[in-house]
Amino acid sequence: MRITVSPDPCNVAATADAILREANGEAPLSVTLAIFLIRQKTGSMRSDADLEALIAKMAAVRGVPIVMDREV
């Protein structure tokens, strides 16, 4: 099994930013969906909790409503 990690660590934040921009505040964004999309687009190995915190902080700054639906 071969795991590839994205070479650019900044693209996780850029991808999260793009996901939040696309959400547009129309409906609350699912954190679980956002984490899935970030992993799919970047191959990030960061923990779910780390990605959840990143999404929550970025959403708060941008005023984007989110749903904290990740199961612990």
C-alpha atoms as a PDB file:
ATOM      1  CA  MET A   1       0.000   0.000   0.000  1.00  0.00           C
ATOM      2  CA  ARG A   2       1.403   3.362  -0.968  1.00  0.00           C
ATOM      3  CA  ILE A   3       0.304   6.587   0.681  1.00  0.00           C
ATOM      4  CA  THR A   4       1.079   9.863  -0.999  1.00  0.00           C
ATOM      5  CA  VAL A   5       1.029  13.128   0.869  1.00  0.00           C
ATOM      6  CA  SER A   6       0.563  16.428  -0.843  1.00  0.00           C
ATOM      7  CA  PRO A   7       3.901  18.252  -1.083  1.00  0.00           C
ATOM      8  CA  ASP A   8       2.433  21.680  -0.293  1.00  0.00           C
ATOM      9  CA  PRO A   9       1.264  21.983   3.342  1.00  0.00           C
ATOM     10  CA  CYS A  10      -0.423  25.318   2.614  1.00  0.00           C
ATOM     11  CA  ASN A  11      -2.911  23.764   0.245  1.00  0.00           C
ATOM     12  CA  VAL A  12      -4.941  22.343   3.181  1.00  0.00           C
ATOM     13  CA  ALA A  13      -5.801  25.872   4.307  1.00  0.00           C
ATOM     14  CA  ALA A  14      -6.356  27.010   0.723  1.00  0.00           C
ATOM     15  CA  THR A  15      -8.658  24.054   0.098  1.00  0.00           C
ATOM     16  CA  ALA A  16     -10.591  24.743   3.311  1.00  0.00           C
ATOM     17  CA  ASP A  17     -10.912  28.374   2.227  1.00  0.00           C
ATOM     18  CA  ALA A  18     -12.284  27.324  -1.168  1.00  0.00           C
ATOM     19  CA  ILE A  19     -14.805  24.954   0.449  1.00  0.00           C
ATOM     20  CA  LEU A  20     -16.011  27.691   2.797  1.00  0.00           C
ATOM     21  CA  ARG A  21     -16.269  30.154  -0.096  1.00  0.00           C
ATOM     22  CA  GLU A  22     -18.350  27.653  -2.092  1.00  0.00           C
ATOM     23  CA  ALA A  23     -20.672  27.093   0.896  1.00  0.00           C
ATOM     24  CA  ASN A  24     -21.710  30.744   0.548  1.00  0.00           C
ATOM     25  CA  GLY A  25     -23.718  30.661   3.785  1.00  0.00           C
ATOM     26  CA  GLU A  26     -26.799  29.260   2.024  1.00  0.00           C
ATOM     27  CA  ALA A  27     -27.065  26.355   4.468  1.00  0.00           C
ATOM     28  CA  PRO A  28     -24.817  25.288   7.331  1.00  0.00           C
ATOM     29  CA  LEU A  29     -21.755  23.430   6.055  1.00  0.00           C
ATOM     30  CA  SER A  30     -21.239  19.919   7.403  1.00  0.00           C
ATOM     31  CA  VAL A  31     -17.837  19.612   9.085  1.00  0.00           C
ATOM     32  CA  THR A  32     -17.769  15.903   8.184  1.00  0.00           C
ATOM     33  CA  LEU A  33     -18.292  16.744   4.514  1.00  0.00           C
ATOM     34  CA  ALA A  34     -15.663  19.489   4.622  1.00  0.00           C
ATOM     35  CA  ILE A  35     -13.102  17.105   6.180  1.00  0.00           C
ATOM     36  CA  PHE A  36     -13.894  14.499   3.513  1.00  0.00           C
ATOM     37  CA  LEU A  37     -13.436  17.058   0.723  1.00  0.00           C
ATOM     38  CA  ILE A  38     -10.153  18.340   2.169  1.00  0.00           C
ATOM     39  CA  ARG A  39      -8.759  14.799   2.393  1.00  0.00           C
ATOM     40  CA  GLN A  40      -9.990  13.988  -1.116  1.00  0.00           C
ATOM     41  CA  LYS A  41      -8.454  17.100  -2.662  1.00  0.00           C
ATOM     42  CA  THR A  42      -5.171  17.257  -0.708  1.00  0.00           C
ATOM     43  CA  GLY A  43      -4.414  13.767   0.579  1.00  0.00           C
ATOM     44  CA  SER A  44      -3.859  15.328   4.001  1.00  0.00           C
ATOM     45  CA  MET A  45      -2.927  13.028   6.879  1.00  0.00           C
ATOM     46  CA  ARG A  46      -3.896  15.611   9.537  1.00  0.00           C
ATOM     47  CA  SER A  47      -6.238  14.328  12.233  1.00  0.00           C
ATOM     48  CA  ASP A  48      -9.991  14.874  12.027  1.00  0.00           C
ATOM     49  CA  ALA A  49      -9.808  17.020  15.170  1.00  0.00           C
ATOM     50  CA  ASP A  50      -7.100  19.217  13.627  1.00  0.00           C
ATOM     51  CA  LEU A  51      -9.048  19.680  10.402  1.00  0.00           C
ATOM     52  CA  GLU A  52     -12.247  20.333  12.358  1.00  0.00           C
ATOM     53  CA  ALA A  53     -10.510  23.068  14.358  1.00  0.00           C
ATOM     54  CA  LEU A  54      -9.125  24.636  11.176  1.00  0.00           C
ATOM     55  CA  ILE A  55     -12.558  24.622   9.525  1.00  0.00           C
ATOM     56  CA  ALA A  56     -14.269  26.032  12.631  1.00  0.00           C
ATOM     57  CA  LYS A  57     -11.761  28.884  12.978  1.00  0.00           C
ATOM     58  CA  MET A  58     -11.895  29.787   9.303  1.00  0.00           C
ATOM     59  CA  ALA A  59     -15.708  29.600   9.242  1.00  0.00           C
ATOM     60  CA  ALA A  60     -15.979  31.845  12.305  1.00  0.00           C
ATOM     61  CA  VAL A  61     -13.769  34.495  10.714  1.00  0.00           C
ATOM     62  CA  ARG A  62     -15.765  34.379   7.471  1.00  0.00           C
ATOM     63  CA  GLY A  63     -19.193  34.178   9.121  1.00  0.00           C
ATOM     64  CA  VAL A  64     -20.017  30.864   7.459  1.00  0.00           C
ATOM     65  CA  PRO A  65     -22.452  28.690   9.440  1.00  0.00           C
ATOM     66  CA  ILE A  66     -21.268  25.129  10.070  1.00  0.00           C
ATOM     67  CA  VAL A  67     -22.699  21.979  11.624  1.00  0.00           C
ATOM     68  CA  MET A  68     -20.380  20.183  14.044  1.00  0.00           C
ATOM     69  CA  ASP A  69     -21.556  16.707  13.004  1.00  0.00           C
ATOM     70  CA  ARG A  70     -18.327  14.729  13.339  1.00  0.00           C
ATOM     71  CA  GLU A  71     -18.731  11.639  15.513  1.00  0.00           C
ATOM     72  CA  VAL A  72     -16.045  11.251  18.149  1.00  0.00           C
END
